Every structure is written in structure tokens, then in C-alpha cells.
Amino acid sequence: MNASTRSAVDQTLIAAKAAKPDKLALVTDPGGRDGALTWAQLDHRTGVLAAALTEAVPAGGGGSWAVEVDNDNVASSVLLLIAALRTDIPIVVMDRLGSDDEQQATADELRRAGVSTVGLARDDSSGVTVQPRCRPQRDPAGRWPNLAPHTLILASGGTSGSPKLVADASLRRTGPRHGALRVTRRLNWSADQTQLVTGRLHHSAPLTFFIYGLIDANLLVVPPRFAPSLAVQLIGELRVNWLEATPFQLERMGAWLQRHPSETDSIRGLLHMSAPCPPATKNFWISRLGPERIFEIYGATEGIGLTVASGAEWLARPGTVGRGFLTQIRVLDEKMTRLRPGTDGLIFLRSLGGPRPVYLRGSGLLLSPDGFSSVGDRGQLDEDGYLYLEPRRIDLINVGGENVYPAEVEQVLVRCPGIAGAAVTGMADERLGARPVAFVTCWPGAAVTERAAIAFCHQHLARFKLPKRIIQVSEIPHTPAGKIDRKRLAGMLPPDPADQN
């Protein structure tokens, strides 16, 4: 592979080995054996794996081959991922800890898309083993997907339950020359910083910033699991400068910090995305770090565009997710008519930052006549172009013919003094069909009664939106992506006392 076709990650590792061979590059198991590697060590170990991978993956195939990297954030899988990123071979990152059904659904979608895959696994004797996994039959029309070199295949974070695979051919090639197109320039990001990775690397956001960190030769700290105590410890001991986390993770870290004070002053940039952030959690981090160090992004794996909001912008306009970053925004009605500021409608985005990812098969996007795209979210723009989101129209609770959005009730509950987090689901009701039930967590030392919380909700919600029960729990179930796990939530519902009479 010549220099012009090398991935940005490969070029960085070669340069970093020459410039700072003995400087720490990767920490995957803090305190463990072989849990930290220098740039020279990282270049050598992943270089051997990358060479073996290049030799083993079938050539040709009409550009339809990809390598599956099973990832669970442990040291061996992180090294395999970096090795694959050093090649120009298309990659699909799989969740090793996902259920059999989830992994089979992704495999089936790859097969339907005509993508042949090989599995990649670490073998201590030979370095790497590669085995065929998915060999789809040829399309009757003879068509094969044309996966460009350096393609990265990710599952879109939709809500249908079926994976939609998105192919991104630009992320792995985004080197320093294209830094102006990267959102990192708005996020207090700098090269050669210490970066904590809190999320699982098969998800779009953690993986994207992990790749950016590799390209910019950051010291990457990738613990095998998220625990608030460990994350806070690493921030203090390694003087972490930058991290991306979900609101759920920030809530748990904030609760831990209130009980166990620790240093966080090294943080220059903290980004959250993936789900709405409770105001109490956001205010905690703004007061701790300062609004100029807190950022929020709204976007989608499909790369149709994104917005950025700083903590200062959020304080000035509570609830905003910011303005477009290299992105034009339209809010349209169902007839594709542009709506005035302050009017709710469908959010359409158009990225101005170059080629965007594409679906491997089909499309779940809404398209406007003038070339804007939407994943179906709703919201409104203000007069200055700041975007505000409506709660997603999923998991609606029909209360006597009235629709209740769980997110709307959750946003009120987390404003109640003492409540740190909230999750709402529906419970069957003989008279109204269903009623909201809320599960809440409280800040350390806070005591919130069910009666007081319902009274607070009564001040801000219509009567039909009031929770029938408010149940305090130690932890709200979340998916690995940091979103509320509403399937598990429904299983936590207590028996209705009326059914026991």
C-alpha cells in the first residue's frame, strides 16, 4: 500500500512511532498487565495484525468483501480494530456482547445487501485468524455492492428494531488536511491530548471520536466497561482533557462525584449526545466545568448533517441543540412546505461537509424536493436558527384517547428537586386504557416522596399526563448506547393493586 492510499490511522501510527516512540498511546486495562502501550509498541503490534489481515482477506469480489471486527472494548479487540483501521479493507464493527438475535439480524442484513464478510479474531500463536462468515448468493441480476476502500459499515441508531446498515467511505480517510470539515474544531478539541472513551466502540459516536483521536495521535484511554467510579478515577489520575459520554453516564458520574470528590479540572471539552440530557445533569456539569467546556450534538449515523450547542448557548436558550455545523436546516410540514420560526414540523438537514454515508440497502430517510433529508425527528427553529427538538414519537401512551409522550413527562420529573433521572412507560388502566408510570433515581442524600413528585408534575403537566405511580429505583435500565431501555422498563412494572383485589 503506497502512501497515497494509506488510511489516516496508518499514517498517524507511522509518524507517531518516529516522533514519540516511548510516549504513551493507548490505555485499555488501567493497572493491568500489558494494559498500556507506547506508540512504538502500538505501531508494532497492530502493524503485524494489519499485515496478516491484508494477506488473508479475499481479493476481488467486485468490491463486496468486508471484515467483521467483534468488539467489546477489551484490549485484544481494540487492537484488532486499530489493525483493521490501518488497512483499506471495508470494516463492519460488531457488538460481541450483543444478543444472538441482534447479531443474527445484522448478519442477515449484510447477506441481503450482498456483502461477503470474514471474521477477525486474535490468535496468540499466529497473530490473527480470519474465517469466512457470510457468503451471500449472487443477486439474480448479477449485482454486487461496490464497497469503496476504507469503507466503515455502521448500524443506524433507529427505533424500528431492525438494523439499517450505513456505509461511510470518508471517516477513515479524514486526515489533518481535512480537519476544517470535522466537528472537533468546535469542541475544544486539540491534537495530542488525553481522551477518555466511555462508550462501546460498535456505536457510531464513540467510534467516530475514537478514530479522530487516533488520527490526531491522542493518548486514548479505553476502559473495558463503563463504571462511574472508574471513569472519575481515570479523569483525575490521567488528567483527561476530552471525553464524549451519554447523558446517562454523565448522570451517574455526577452522582458519584457528589459522594466522592475528585479532580476534573483537566477537562477542556465534554460532549454529550445520543439522548436528551436532563437539565439537572447538564447544570451540574456546567457549574463544575464552566459552560465554555460543555457541548451537545444532534445528528444521525446517516451523516445528513448535525448541530452543535455550547453550554453557554444552552444557558441562553434552554432546550436548544444548537445551530447547524456545516449544515443547512429546514423545518417542513407534511406537504414539504417550509414553516416559520417557532412552528413545529419535520426536521430536514443538508450537510455541506462533503460526501455523506449511504445505506447499503434501501433507505429510511425522508427526502425534500430541494435535497434535504430527515430521519423523522420533529422540532422547531427560532429566529436565530437555533434548533429545538420535540420528544420522539415512539412508545406513545394512549390515555383515554390522548397521546402522552414519555419524554415530555421525563423532562418535567428531572426538574423536580432531588430527582436525578427519570424514565416513563405505560401501565394498563381499566378505565383509561393506559396511564404513565415513572421510575426515578434521586441525587445522593435527597429524599423525594411519591406524593411530592406527583404534586410537582401537577404544576407542569395536564392531568391526563400525570404519572399513576412514581417509583424510586437505584438505577434506570439503559441500552449500551446510553438510551432508556424501555423493554426492560416495562418488565419492572409492579402489579396493579386493583388486580389483586
Protein backbone atom coordinates (compact mmCIF):
# COMPACT_ATOMS: atom_id res chain seq x y z
CA MET A 1 0.00 0.00 0.00
CA ASN A 2 1.53 3.31 -1.05
CA ALA A 3 1.34 6.50 0.98
CA SER A 4 -1.45 7.98 -1.13
CA THR A 5 -3.80 5.06 -0.37
CA ARG A 6 -2.89 4.55 3.29
CA SER A 7 -5.58 5.24 5.85
CA ALA A 8 -5.20 8.29 8.05
CA VAL A 9 -4.83 5.98 11.07
CA ASP A 10 -1.93 4.11 9.43
CA GLN A 11 -0.14 7.35 8.57
CA THR A 12 -0.56 8.62 12.13
CA LEU A 13 0.87 5.49 13.75
CA ILE A 14 3.91 5.53 11.48
CA ALA A 15 4.55 9.22 12.19
CA ALA A 16 3.90 8.93 15.95
CA LYS A 17 6.28 5.97 16.25
CA ALA A 18 9.01 8.10 14.71
CA ALA A 19 8.23 11.30 16.64
CA LYS A 20 7.41 9.97 20.11
CA PRO A 21 8.11 6.22 20.28
CA ASP A 22 8.21 5.97 24.07
CA LYS A 23 5.23 8.18 24.79
CA LEU A 24 2.03 6.50 26.00
CA ALA A 25 -0.50 5.92 23.20
CA LEU A 26 -3.22 3.56 24.47
CA VAL A 27 -4.54 2.53 27.89
CA THR A 28 -7.06 -0.34 27.78
CA ASP A 29 -6.74 -2.01 31.18
CA PRO A 30 -5.71 0.52 33.83
CA GLY A 31 -3.37 -1.17 36.29
CA GLY A 32 -3.42 -4.47 34.41
CA ARG A 33 -0.61 -6.34 32.73
CA ASP A 34 0.01 -5.07 29.19
CA GLY A 35 -2.77 -2.58 29.77
CA ALA A 36 -0.77 0.36 28.38
CA LEU A 37 1.17 0.66 25.12
CA THR A 38 3.58 3.27 23.79
CA TRP A 39 3.37 4.49 20.21
CA ALA A 40 6.23 2.19 19.19
CA GLN A 41 4.51 -0.79 20.80
CA LEU A 42 1.12 0.10 19.35
CA ASP A 43 2.57 0.52 15.85
CA HIS A 44 4.36 -2.84 16.03
CA ARG A 45 1.50 -4.91 17.42
CA THR A 46 -1.20 -3.52 15.16
CA GLY A 47 1.14 -3.47 12.17
CA VAL A 48 1.69 -7.23 12.41
CA LEU A 49 -2.05 -7.81 12.66
CA ALA A 50 -2.81 -5.45 9.76
CA ALA A 51 -0.30 -7.25 7.51
CA ALA A 52 -1.82 -10.65 8.34
CA LEU A 53 -5.30 -9.29 7.69
CA THR A 54 -4.32 -7.83 4.31
CA GLU A 55 -2.92 -11.19 3.22
CA ALA A 56 -5.89 -13.22 4.46
CA VAL A 57 -8.88 -11.24 3.17
CA PRO A 58 -10.04 -12.43 -0.27
CA ALA A 59 -9.08 -10.19 -3.14
CA GLY A 60 -11.59 -9.01 -5.72
CA GLY A 61 -15.22 -9.99 -5.22
CA GLY A 62 -16.49 -6.93 -7.03
CA GLY A 63 -15.73 -4.72 -4.03
CA SER A 64 -18.17 -6.73 -1.92
CA TRP A 65 -15.87 -8.03 0.86
CA ALA A 66 -15.74 -6.61 4.39
CA VAL A 67 -14.11 -7.76 7.60
CA GLU A 68 -16.17 -8.16 10.77
CA VAL A 69 -14.43 -6.92 13.91
CA ASP A 70 -16.10 -8.20 17.07
CA ASN A 71 -15.63 -5.53 19.70
CA ASP A 72 -16.25 -5.47 23.43
CA ASN A 73 -13.70 -2.75 24.36
CA VAL A 74 -11.22 -5.23 25.88
CA ALA A 75 -7.56 -4.84 24.92
CA SER A 76 -7.42 -7.60 22.29
CA SER A 77 -10.49 -6.39 20.39
CA VAL A 78 -9.36 -2.75 20.50
CA LEU A 79 -6.01 -3.77 18.96
CA LEU A 80 -7.79 -5.75 16.25
CA LEU A 81 -9.97 -2.75 15.48
CA ILE A 82 -6.96 -0.45 15.17
CA ALA A 83 -5.21 -3.02 12.95
CA ALA A 84 -8.24 -3.18 10.64
CA LEU A 85 -8.43 0.62 10.55
CA ARG A 86 -4.80 0.68 9.30
CA THR A 87 -5.81 -1.20 6.15
CA ASP A 88 -8.03 -0.08 3.29
CA ILE A 89 -10.34 -3.10 3.74
CA PRO A 90 -14.02 -2.31 4.40
CA ILE A 91 -14.92 -2.93 8.05
CA VAL A 92 -18.13 -3.71 9.91
CA VAL A 93 -17.82 -3.39 13.70
CA MET A 94 -19.94 -5.94 15.55
CA ASP A 95 -21.06 -5.95 19.18
CA ARG A 96 -19.51 -9.03 20.76
CA LEU A 97 -21.76 -8.59 23.81
CA GLY A 98 -24.96 -8.25 21.79
CA SER A 99 -27.66 -10.91 21.88
CA ASP A 100 -27.67 -13.77 19.38
CA ASP A 101 -30.80 -12.29 17.79
CA GLU A 102 -29.15 -8.88 17.34
CA GLN A 103 -26.02 -10.36 15.79
CA GLN A 104 -28.07 -12.58 13.50
CA ALA A 105 -30.18 -9.60 12.38
CA THR A 106 -27.03 -7.71 11.36
CA ALA A 107 -25.64 -10.77 9.58
CA ASP A 108 -28.92 -11.21 7.71
CA GLU A 109 -28.90 -7.57 6.62
CA LEU A 110 -25.31 -7.91 5.36
CA ARG A 111 -26.31 -11.01 3.42
CA ARG A 112 -29.33 -9.27 1.90
CA ALA A 113 -27.09 -6.38 0.89
CA GLY A 114 -24.78 -8.80 -0.93
CA VAL A 115 -21.78 -8.23 1.34
CA SER A 116 -19.42 -11.15 1.93
CA THR A 117 -17.66 -10.96 5.29
CA VAL A 118 -14.83 -12.64 7.10
CA GLY A 119 -14.46 -12.78 10.86
CA LEU A 120 -11.36 -11.48 12.57
CA ALA A 121 -10.12 -12.95 15.85
CA ARG A 122 -6.92 -12.83 17.86
CA ASP A 123 -4.77 -15.96 17.92
CA ASP A 124 -1.75 -15.75 20.20
CA SER A 125 0.18 -18.29 18.13
CA SER A 126 -0.23 -16.77 14.67
CA GLY A 127 -1.35 -13.23 15.46
CA VAL A 128 -4.73 -13.28 13.74
CA THR A 129 -7.22 -15.76 12.35
CA VAL A 130 -9.63 -14.97 9.56
CA GLN A 131 -12.63 -17.14 8.76
CA PRO A 132 -15.47 -16.69 6.27
CA ARG A 133 -18.75 -15.80 7.96
CA CYS A 134 -21.23 -14.51 5.45
CA ARG A 135 -21.27 -15.62 1.80
CA PRO A 136 -24.43 -14.29 0.17
CA GLN A 137 -25.68 -15.88 -3.01
CA ARG A 138 -25.21 -13.83 -6.12
CA ASP A 139 -28.04 -11.47 -6.88
CA PRO A 140 -30.16 -12.87 -9.76
CA ALA A 141 -29.37 -9.74 -11.74
CA GLY A 142 -25.64 -10.19 -11.09
CA ARG A 143 -25.39 -7.06 -8.95
CA TRP A 144 -22.83 -6.70 -6.17
CA PRO A 145 -22.35 -3.77 -3.80
CA ASN A 146 -19.35 -1.63 -4.61
CA LEU A 147 -17.68 -1.02 -1.26
CA ALA A 148 -15.02 1.62 -1.70
CA PRO A 149 -11.65 1.19 0.04
CA HIS A 150 -11.70 2.40 3.66
CA THR A 151 -15.49 1.94 3.97
CA LEU A 152 -16.79 1.71 7.53
CA ILE A 153 -20.17 -0.03 7.95
CA LEU A 154 -22.26 1.01 10.96
CA ALA A 155 -25.76 0.23 12.17
CA SER A 156 -28.03 3.25 12.26
CA GLY A 157 -29.48 4.11 15.66
CA GLY A 158 -33.10 3.84 14.64
CA THR A 159 -36.05 2.61 16.68
CA SER A 160 -37.62 0.02 14.39
CA GLY A 161 -35.71 -2.89 15.90
CA SER A 162 -34.26 -3.89 12.52
CA PRO A 163 -30.69 -2.79 11.72
CA LYS A 164 -30.12 -0.37 8.87
CA LEU A 165 -26.53 -0.51 7.72
CA VAL A 166 -24.80 2.70 6.69
CA ALA A 167 -21.57 2.76 4.68
CA ASP A 168 -19.17 5.65 5.36
CA ALA A 169 -16.20 5.86 2.98
CA SER A 170 -14.73 9.14 4.27
CA LEU A 171 -14.26 8.88 8.05
CA ARG A 172 -11.17 6.66 7.92
CA ARG A 173 -9.51 8.96 5.36
CA THR A 174 -10.19 12.23 7.17
CA GLY A 175 -6.66 13.34 7.96
CA PRO A 176 -5.27 16.69 9.15
CA ARG A 177 -5.74 18.22 5.71
CA HIS A 178 -9.49 17.87 6.12
CA GLY A 179 -9.63 18.96 9.75
CA ALA A 180 -11.69 22.04 8.88
CA LEU A 181 -14.57 19.72 7.95
CA ARG A 182 -14.52 17.94 11.30
CA VAL A 183 -16.84 19.00 14.07
CA THR A 184 -13.99 18.59 16.57
CA ARG A 185 -12.83 22.13 15.82
CA ARG A 186 -15.95 23.38 17.63
CA LEU A 187 -15.49 21.18 20.71
CA ASN A 188 -12.34 22.45 22.46
CA TRP A 189 -10.50 19.55 20.82
CA SER A 190 -6.75 19.52 20.28
CA ALA A 191 -4.29 17.01 18.87
CA ASP A 192 -2.00 15.10 21.24
CA GLN A 193 -4.47 15.35 24.13
CA THR A 194 -5.60 12.71 26.63
CA GLN A 195 -9.01 11.38 25.60
CA LEU A 196 -11.35 9.12 27.58
CA VAL A 197 -13.63 6.76 25.61
CA THR A 198 -16.66 5.87 27.73
CA GLY A 199 -18.84 4.21 25.08
CA ARG A 200 -18.75 0.86 23.33
CA LEU A 201 -16.87 1.08 20.04
CA HIS A 202 -19.54 -0.53 17.85
CA HIS A 203 -21.66 2.61 18.31
CA SER A 204 -21.30 5.46 15.86
CA ALA A 205 -20.43 8.34 18.22
CA PRO A 206 -17.77 6.61 20.38
CA LEU A 207 -16.21 5.01 17.30
CA THR A 208 -16.13 8.29 15.37
CA PHE A 209 -14.30 10.17 18.10
CA PHE A 210 -12.05 7.16 18.76
CA ILE A 211 -10.96 7.31 15.10
CA TYR A 212 -10.49 11.08 15.28
CA GLY A 213 -8.37 10.53 18.40
CA LEU A 214 -6.18 8.00 16.59
CA ILE A 215 -5.76 10.32 13.62
CA ASP A 216 -4.73 13.20 15.90
CA ALA A 217 -2.31 10.99 17.92
CA ASN A 218 -4.19 11.39 21.19
CA LEU A 219 -3.49 9.26 24.23
CA LEU A 220 -6.62 7.09 24.13
CA VAL A 221 -7.99 5.70 27.39
CA VAL A 222 -10.45 2.88 26.65
CA PRO A 223 -11.60 1.03 29.79
CA PRO A 224 -13.26 -2.34 29.10
CA ARG A 225 -16.51 -1.23 30.75
CA PHE A 226 -18.16 1.94 31.98
CA ALA A 227 -18.38 2.46 35.72
CA PRO A 228 -18.75 5.96 37.18
CA SER A 229 -16.11 5.30 39.83
CA LEU A 230 -13.57 4.13 37.23
CA ALA A 231 -14.30 6.98 34.83
CA VAL A 232 -13.86 9.60 37.57
CA GLN A 233 -10.68 7.89 38.76
CA LEU A 234 -9.18 7.89 35.26
CA ILE A 235 -10.06 11.55 34.71
CA GLY A 236 -8.18 12.52 37.86
CA GLU A 237 -5.19 10.18 37.59
CA LEU A 238 -4.50 10.54 33.85
CA ARG A 239 -5.55 14.20 33.63
CA VAL A 240 -8.11 13.57 30.89
CA ASN A 241 -8.64 16.58 28.60
CA TRP A 242 -11.60 15.47 26.49
CA LEU A 243 -14.44 12.95 26.57
CA GLU A 244 -17.73 12.10 24.90
CA ALA A 245 -20.42 10.50 27.08
CA THR A 246 -24.12 9.82 27.12
CA PRO A 247 -26.43 11.77 29.46
CA PHE A 248 -26.93 8.56 31.45
CA GLN A 249 -23.19 8.23 32.01
CA LEU A 250 -22.91 11.90 32.99
CA GLU A 251 -25.75 11.47 35.47
CA ARG A 252 -24.01 8.51 37.14
CA MET A 253 -20.61 10.25 37.17
CA GLY A 254 -22.22 13.34 38.69
CA ALA A 255 -23.85 11.30 41.44
CA TRP A 256 -20.51 9.59 42.18
CA LEU A 257 -18.67 12.93 42.33
CA GLN A 258 -21.14 14.26 44.87
CA ARG A 259 -20.28 11.38 47.18
CA HIS A 260 -16.59 11.06 46.30
CA PRO A 261 -14.99 14.43 45.43
CA SER A 262 -12.31 14.18 42.75
CA GLU A 263 -10.38 16.40 40.35
CA THR A 264 -11.97 17.13 36.98
CA ASP A 265 -10.29 20.45 36.21
CA SER A 266 -8.17 18.91 33.43
CA ILE A 267 -11.27 18.51 31.22
CA ARG A 268 -11.28 21.07 28.39
CA GLY A 269 -14.11 19.54 26.42
CA LEU A 270 -17.08 17.38 27.42
CA LEU A 271 -19.53 16.33 24.71
CA HIS A 272 -22.88 14.59 25.17
CA MET A 273 -25.25 13.25 22.55
CA SER A 274 -27.39 10.14 21.80
CA ALA A 275 -30.32 11.12 24.06
CA PRO A 276 -31.85 14.18 25.78
CA CYS A 277 -29.82 15.35 28.77
CA PRO A 278 -31.78 16.06 31.97
CA PRO A 279 -31.40 19.76 32.84
CA ALA A 280 -30.23 18.93 36.36
CA THR A 281 -27.41 16.77 35.00
CA LYS A 282 -26.38 19.38 32.45
CA ASN A 283 -26.45 22.16 35.02
CA PHE A 284 -24.28 20.07 37.35
CA TRP A 285 -21.54 19.74 34.73
CA ILE A 286 -21.83 23.35 33.60
CA SER A 287 -21.39 24.56 37.18
CA ARG A 288 -18.46 22.19 37.67
CA LEU A 289 -16.52 22.82 34.44
CA GLY A 290 -17.94 26.06 33.10
CA PRO A 291 -20.33 26.50 30.13
CA GLU A 292 -17.46 27.03 27.68
CA ARG A 293 -16.35 23.40 28.17
CA ILE A 294 -19.72 21.66 27.70
CA PHE A 295 -21.08 20.74 24.26
CA GLU A 296 -24.05 18.93 22.76
CA ILE A 297 -24.52 17.49 19.27
CA TYR A 298 -27.66 16.47 17.42
CA GLY A 299 -27.14 14.31 14.36
CA ALA A 300 -27.56 10.84 12.87
CA THR A 301 -25.38 7.95 11.75
CA GLU A 302 -26.62 8.66 8.23
CA GLY A 303 -24.47 11.81 8.20
CA ILE A 304 -27.21 14.04 6.81
CA GLY A 305 -25.98 16.92 8.99
CA LEU A 306 -25.57 17.97 12.58
CA THR A 307 -25.97 20.79 15.06
CA VAL A 308 -23.71 21.92 17.90
CA ALA A 309 -24.61 23.80 21.08
CA SER A 310 -22.17 25.03 23.69
CA GLY A 311 -23.10 25.20 27.33
CA ALA A 312 -23.31 28.99 27.06
CA GLU A 313 -25.74 28.76 24.14
CA TRP A 314 -27.85 26.24 26.07
CA LEU A 315 -27.99 28.52 29.11
CA ALA A 316 -29.11 31.42 26.91
CA ARG A 317 -31.66 29.22 25.10
CA PRO A 318 -32.63 26.33 27.41
CA GLY A 319 -33.51 23.20 25.46
CA THR A 320 -31.72 24.06 22.23
CA VAL A 321 -29.48 21.54 20.47
CA GLY A 322 -27.71 24.37 18.68
CA ARG A 323 -27.23 25.62 15.16
CA GLY A 324 -26.05 23.73 12.11
CA PHE A 325 -22.36 22.88 11.74
CA LEU A 326 -21.65 22.90 8.00
CA THR A 327 -25.34 22.07 7.81
CA GLN A 328 -28.44 23.79 6.49
CA ILE A 329 -31.69 23.19 8.40
CA ARG A 330 -35.28 23.29 7.26
CA VAL A 331 -38.46 22.63 9.27
CA LEU A 332 -41.23 21.47 6.94
CA ASP A 333 -44.82 20.32 7.24
CA GLU A 334 -46.19 17.08 5.77
CA LYS A 335 -46.69 18.85 2.41
CA MET A 336 -43.00 19.82 2.37
CA THR A 337 -43.85 23.50 2.93
CA ARG A 338 -41.25 25.46 4.88
CA LEU A 339 -42.53 26.57 8.29
CA ARG A 340 -41.92 29.83 10.09
CA PRO A 341 -39.66 30.05 13.16
CA GLY A 342 -41.40 28.83 16.29
CA THR A 343 -43.60 26.33 14.40
CA ASP A 344 -43.19 22.60 14.98
CA GLY A 345 -42.61 20.33 12.00
CA LEU A 346 -40.33 17.71 10.49
CA ILE A 347 -36.61 18.48 10.72
CA PHE A 348 -34.68 18.28 7.43
CA LEU A 349 -30.91 18.68 7.20
CA ARG A 350 -28.39 19.05 4.38
CA SER A 351 -24.71 18.59 5.11
CA LEU A 352 -22.26 20.88 3.37
CA GLY A 353 -19.24 18.93 4.62
CA GLY A 354 -18.64 16.65 1.65
CA PRO A 355 -19.84 13.13 0.78
CA ARG A 356 -22.20 11.62 3.33
CA PRO A 357 -22.68 7.96 4.25
CA VAL A 358 -25.19 5.89 2.28
CA TYR A 359 -27.41 2.95 3.16
CA LEU A 360 -26.15 -0.43 1.99
CA ARG A 361 -29.71 -1.40 1.12
CA GLY A 362 -32.83 0.68 0.78
CA SER A 363 -33.35 3.93 2.64
CA GLY A 364 -35.18 5.06 5.74
CA LEU A 365 -34.80 8.76 5.00
CA LEU A 366 -37.45 11.29 4.09
CA LEU A 367 -36.35 13.49 1.18
CA SER A 368 -37.47 17.02 0.36
CA PRO A 369 -37.72 18.33 -3.22
CA ASP A 370 -34.70 20.60 -2.69
CA GLY A 371 -32.31 17.91 -1.49
CA PHE A 372 -32.72 17.92 2.31
CA SER A 373 -33.05 14.68 4.32
CA SER A 374 -34.83 13.71 7.54
CA VAL A 375 -34.80 10.71 9.90
CA GLY A 376 -38.30 11.67 11.06
CA ASP A 377 -37.49 13.83 14.08
CA ARG A 378 -39.67 16.84 14.79
CA GLY A 379 -38.85 20.25 16.20
CA GLN A 380 -38.68 23.96 15.51
CA LEU A 381 -36.21 26.72 14.74
CA ASP A 382 -36.09 30.06 16.50
CA GLU A 383 -35.48 33.39 14.76
CA ASP A 384 -31.71 32.98 15.10
CA GLY A 385 -31.58 29.50 13.60
CA TYR A 386 -31.28 27.51 16.84
CA LEU A 387 -32.98 24.12 16.73
CA TYR A 388 -35.27 22.66 19.41
CA LEU A 389 -36.41 19.04 19.33
CA GLU A 390 -39.82 17.63 20.12
CA PRO A 391 -39.96 14.33 22.02
CA ARG A 392 -39.64 11.39 19.63
CA ARG A 393 -43.00 9.93 18.66
CA ILE A 394 -42.24 6.45 19.92
CA ASP A 395 -43.65 4.46 22.79
CA LEU A 396 -46.70 6.69 22.94
CA ILE A 397 -49.06 6.10 25.86
CA ASN A 398 -52.71 6.48 24.87
CA VAL A 399 -54.57 7.78 27.91
CA GLY A 400 -58.29 7.86 27.20
CA GLY A 401 -57.65 8.90 23.60
CA GLU A 402 -54.97 11.46 24.48
CA ASN A 403 -51.34 10.86 23.46
CA VAL A 404 -48.66 11.12 26.15
CA TYR A 405 -45.00 11.20 25.12
CA PRO A 406 -42.80 9.59 27.80
CA ALA A 407 -40.01 12.09 27.15
CA GLU A 408 -42.31 15.00 27.97
CA VAL A 409 -43.11 13.58 31.41
CA GLU A 410 -39.45 12.66 31.98
CA GLN A 411 -38.33 16.21 31.25
CA VAL A 412 -40.67 17.53 33.95
CA LEU A 413 -39.66 14.92 36.52
CA VAL A 414 -35.93 15.66 36.26
CA ARG A 415 -36.70 19.29 37.12
CA CYS A 416 -38.24 18.17 40.41
CA PRO A 417 -35.86 18.96 43.29
CA GLY A 418 -33.96 15.87 44.32
CA ILE A 419 -34.67 13.77 41.22
CA ALA A 420 -31.62 12.91 39.10
CA GLY A 421 -33.09 10.71 36.37
CA ALA A 422 -36.50 9.55 35.16
CA ALA A 423 -37.96 7.01 32.77
CA VAL A 424 -41.64 6.67 31.93
CA THR A 425 -43.63 3.78 30.47
CA GLY A 426 -47.31 2.88 30.16
CA MET A 427 -49.31 0.70 32.53
CA ALA A 428 -52.67 -0.82 31.67
CA ASP A 429 -55.65 1.01 33.17
CA GLU A 430 -59.16 -0.41 33.15
CA ARG A 431 -60.85 2.97 32.81
CA LEU A 432 -58.47 4.92 30.53
CA GLY A 433 -56.70 2.13 28.69
CA ALA A 434 -53.26 3.15 29.96
CA ARG A 435 -51.60 5.50 32.42
CA PRO A 436 -47.99 6.73 32.68
CA VAL A 437 -45.80 5.17 35.38
CA ALA A 438 -42.45 6.75 36.22
CA PHE A 439 -39.25 5.26 37.58
CA VAL A 440 -36.87 7.80 39.12
CA THR A 441 -33.42 7.96 40.66
CA CYS A 442 -32.53 10.58 43.26
CA TRP A 443 -29.42 12.60 43.91
CA PRO A 444 -27.30 11.38 46.85
CA GLY A 445 -28.83 12.44 50.15
CA ALA A 446 -32.08 13.61 48.57
CA ALA A 447 -35.43 12.37 49.84
CA VAL A 448 -38.35 12.74 47.43
CA THR A 449 -41.75 11.26 48.25
CA GLU A 450 -44.09 9.98 45.59
CA ARG A 451 -46.72 12.45 46.69
CA ALA A 452 -44.34 15.42 46.39
CA ALA A 453 -43.16 14.34 42.93
CA ILE A 454 -46.73 13.93 41.63
CA ALA A 455 -47.60 17.34 43.07
CA PHE A 456 -44.67 18.86 41.21
CA CYS A 457 -45.82 17.21 37.97
CA HIS A 458 -49.32 18.59 38.53
CA GLN A 459 -47.87 22.12 38.31
CA HIS A 460 -46.42 21.49 34.84
CA LEU A 461 -48.49 18.77 33.13
CA ALA A 462 -52.08 18.29 32.09
CA ARG A 463 -54.00 15.91 34.35
CA PHE A 464 -54.06 13.05 31.82
CA LYS A 465 -50.24 13.17 31.61
CA LEU A 466 -49.70 12.76 35.36
CA PRO A 467 -47.94 9.52 36.39
CA LYS A 468 -50.16 7.00 38.11
CA ARG A 469 -47.16 5.86 40.13
CA ILE A 470 -43.68 7.24 40.76
CA ILE A 471 -41.31 4.50 41.85
CA GLN A 472 -37.83 5.22 43.18
CA VAL A 473 -35.14 2.81 41.94
CA SER A 474 -31.37 2.63 42.36
CA GLU A 475 -30.75 2.60 38.62
CA ILE A 476 -32.77 3.13 35.44
CA PRO A 477 -32.12 0.46 32.78
CA HIS A 478 -30.27 1.73 29.75
CA THR A 479 -29.11 0.19 26.50
CA PRO A 480 -25.36 0.06 25.72
CA ALA A 481 -25.89 3.20 23.63
CA GLY A 482 -26.98 5.07 26.77
CA LYS A 483 -30.68 5.31 25.88
CA ILE A 484 -33.52 4.25 28.16
CA ASP A 485 -34.21 0.54 27.72
CA ARG A 486 -38.00 0.73 27.52
CA LYS A 487 -38.43 -3.02 27.02
CA ARG A 488 -36.74 -3.73 30.35
CA LEU A 489 -38.61 -0.82 31.91
CA ALA A 490 -41.97 -2.39 31.07
CA GLY A 491 -40.83 -5.56 32.82
CA MET A 492 -40.22 -3.60 36.02
CA LEU A 493 -43.85 -2.54 36.39
CA PRO A 494 -45.38 -3.61 39.73
CA PRO A 495 -48.69 -5.47 39.85
CA ASP A 496 -51.71 -3.21 39.78
CA PRO A 497 -53.27 -3.28 43.28
CA ALA A 498 -56.70 -3.41 41.64
CA ASP A 499 -55.78 -6.77 40.06
CA GLN A 500 -55.06 -8.25 43.47
CA ASN A 501 -58.44 -7.48 44.99
